[in-house]
Amino acid sequence: PEKPTDPEKPTDPEKPTDPEKPTNPGKPTDPEKPTDPEKPTDPEKPTDPEKPTEPEKPTNPEKPTEPEKPTNPEKPTEPEKPTNPEKPTEPEKPTNPEKPTELNKKESKSDVTV
């Protein structure tokens, strides 16, 4: 039986002041902000109307040619690199088998010193 006071909450009648909040009515000044009337110059910014040319960037419409890069389709030849299949000759390096002669040379030198 005391619950009915819940909807009647003596604090509820005070809550209506929430929407009335003396600070709320003060908030309306936010949109009214005496500085707001000055802010309109923001949207008016003479540089703003100039900015639209940025999204207009005539270079943007030209960019589509980048994805078209005719060099991109040519790039596949890179992985084809005929030099890649030739690279296996690197481990074959005929100079590598020759290197052992360097060791041999050292032996010769030591032979000479001995």
Protein backbone atom coordinates (compact mmCIF):
# COMPACT_ATOMS: atom_id res chain seq x y z
CA PRO A 1 0.00 0.00 0.00
CA GLU A 2 2.99 2.23 0.48
CA LYS A 3 4.19 1.48 -3.01
CA PRO A 4 1.52 3.65 -4.60
CA THR A 5 3.61 6.49 -3.25
CA ASP A 6 6.32 5.23 -5.57
CA PRO A 7 4.53 6.59 -8.61
CA GLU A 8 3.67 9.52 -6.41
CA LYS A 9 7.18 9.65 -5.04
CA PRO A 10 7.47 12.99 -3.27
CA THR A 11 10.75 13.13 -5.09
CA ASP A 12 8.95 12.52 -8.37
CA PRO A 13 7.21 15.86 -8.16
CA GLU A 14 10.66 17.24 -7.71
CA LYS A 15 11.94 15.30 -10.68
CA PRO A 16 9.71 17.22 -13.07
CA THR A 17 12.16 19.97 -12.35
CA ASP A 18 14.68 17.72 -14.08
CA PRO A 19 13.13 18.42 -17.46
CA GLU A 20 12.62 21.90 -16.11
CA LYS A 21 16.07 21.88 -14.63
CA PRO A 22 17.03 25.52 -14.28
CA THR A 23 20.23 24.30 -15.87
CA ASN A 24 18.29 22.68 -18.69
CA PRO A 25 16.66 25.93 -19.70
CA GLY A 26 20.12 27.30 -19.45
CA LYS A 27 21.25 24.64 -21.91
CA PRO A 28 18.93 25.93 -24.60
CA THR A 29 21.33 28.82 -24.59
CA ASP A 30 23.81 26.27 -25.92
CA PRO A 31 22.11 26.38 -29.31
CA GLU A 32 21.47 30.01 -28.55
CA LYS A 33 25.00 30.47 -27.29
CA PRO A 34 25.91 34.07 -27.99
CA THR A 35 29.00 32.48 -29.41
CA ASP A 36 26.85 30.21 -31.54
CA PRO A 37 25.67 33.14 -33.64
CA GLU A 38 29.36 33.72 -34.20
CA LYS A 39 29.94 30.06 -34.96
CA PRO A 40 27.68 30.19 -38.00
CA THR A 41 30.76 31.65 -39.60
CA ASP A 42 32.26 28.21 -39.11
CA PRO A 43 29.85 26.63 -41.58
CA GLU A 44 30.20 29.83 -43.50
CA LYS A 45 33.96 29.57 -43.30
CA PRO A 46 35.09 31.06 -46.59
CA THR A 47 37.61 28.25 -46.53
CA ASP A 48 34.86 25.67 -46.12
CA PRO A 49 33.28 26.50 -49.46
CA GLU A 50 36.76 26.19 -50.88
CA LYS A 51 37.27 22.81 -49.27
CA PRO A 52 34.56 21.17 -51.35
CA THR A 53 37.09 21.35 -54.14
CA GLU A 54 39.18 18.92 -52.16
CA PRO A 55 36.62 16.12 -52.42
CA GLU A 56 36.32 17.21 -56.02
CA LYS A 57 40.05 16.59 -56.40
CA PRO A 58 40.40 16.22 -60.17
CA THR A 59 43.27 13.92 -59.31
CA ASN A 60 40.90 11.56 -57.57
CA PRO A 61 39.03 10.71 -60.75
CA GLU A 62 42.44 10.21 -62.30
CA LYS A 63 43.50 7.85 -59.55
CA PRO A 64 41.34 5.06 -60.92
CA THR A 65 44.09 4.70 -63.49
CA GLU A 66 46.37 3.71 -60.68
CA PRO A 67 44.52 0.46 -60.04
CA GLU A 68 44.63 0.10 -63.80
CA LYS A 69 48.41 0.35 -63.62
CA PRO A 70 49.42 -1.33 -66.89
CA THR A 71 52.62 -2.13 -65.05
CA ASN A 72 50.71 -4.19 -62.54
CA PRO A 73 49.63 -6.74 -65.11
CA GLU A 74 53.25 -6.76 -66.24
CA LYS A 75 54.45 -7.40 -62.73
CA PRO A 76 53.38 -11.03 -62.90
CA THR A 77 56.48 -11.44 -65.03
CA GLU A 78 58.49 -10.57 -61.98
CA PRO A 79 57.53 -13.76 -60.17
CA GLU A 80 58.30 -15.40 -63.51
CA LYS A 81 61.76 -13.90 -63.31
CA PRO A 82 63.72 -16.16 -65.66
CA THR A 83 66.64 -15.24 -63.45
CA ASN A 84 64.97 -16.94 -60.54
CA PRO A 85 65.22 -20.36 -62.13
CA GLU A 86 68.80 -19.40 -62.90
CA LYS A 87 69.46 -18.53 -59.28
CA PRO A 88 69.81 -22.21 -58.39
CA THR A 89 73.12 -21.87 -60.16
CA GLU A 90 74.19 -19.67 -57.29
CA PRO A 91 74.44 -22.60 -54.91
CA GLU A 92 76.23 -24.25 -57.82
CA LYS A 93 78.61 -21.31 -57.87
CA PRO A 94 81.52 -22.73 -59.81
CA THR A 95 83.57 -20.31 -57.76
CA ASN A 96 82.53 -22.12 -54.61
CA PRO A 97 84.16 -25.34 -55.67
CA GLU A 98 87.12 -23.21 -56.57
CA LYS A 99 87.26 -21.76 -53.07
CA PRO A 100 88.60 -24.99 -51.72
CA THR A 101 91.63 -24.19 -53.82
CA GLU A 102 92.09 -21.20 -51.58
CA LEU A 103 92.39 -23.58 -48.71
CA ASN A 104 94.73 -25.58 -50.86
CA LYS A 105 96.73 -22.45 -51.58
CA LYS A 106 97.07 -21.97 -47.84
CA GLU A 107 98.37 -25.49 -47.61
CA SER A 108 100.82 -24.66 -50.38
CA LYS A 109 101.93 -21.56 -48.54
CA SER A 110 102.43 -23.52 -45.38
CA ASP A 111 104.29 -26.03 -47.48
CA VAL A 112 106.54 -23.28 -48.71
CA THR A 113 107.16 -22.01 -45.20
CA VAL A 114 107.94 -25.48 -43.97
